[in-house]
Amino acid sequence: MTKSSSPKKAALKDWHRADIVAELRKAGWSLRRLATHHGYASPTTLTNALARPWPKGERIIAEAIGIDAATIWPSRYHAKGTTGARKGHRDTNRRNAA
């Protein structure tokens, strides 16, 4: 048996949360300070964007770092730089699965 040695397409991986926090610190920010700067009542609000998709929080973090949010979280964005979720539309597969 001969194995094909063709190179596999590299999967785009999201940045590790520690790398995101480190980049924020290099830029002079912390998640807490960034959240309060943007008017959030809870200083831990932006940590939600590290764990799950939240386009607004992702955009705030990305702008603070000076990079596009789709570069930090490629799995959350389509090729055009938009998220998969549309405002006001629920995932019908989730509703039908119940």
Foldseek 3Di string as FASTA:
>chain_A
DDDDPDDDDDDQAADQPVVLQVLLVVLVHGQLRLCVVVPHPGSCVLVVVNVDPDVVSLCSSCVSSVHQSCNNHVVQADPVSHGPDDPPDDDVVVVVVD
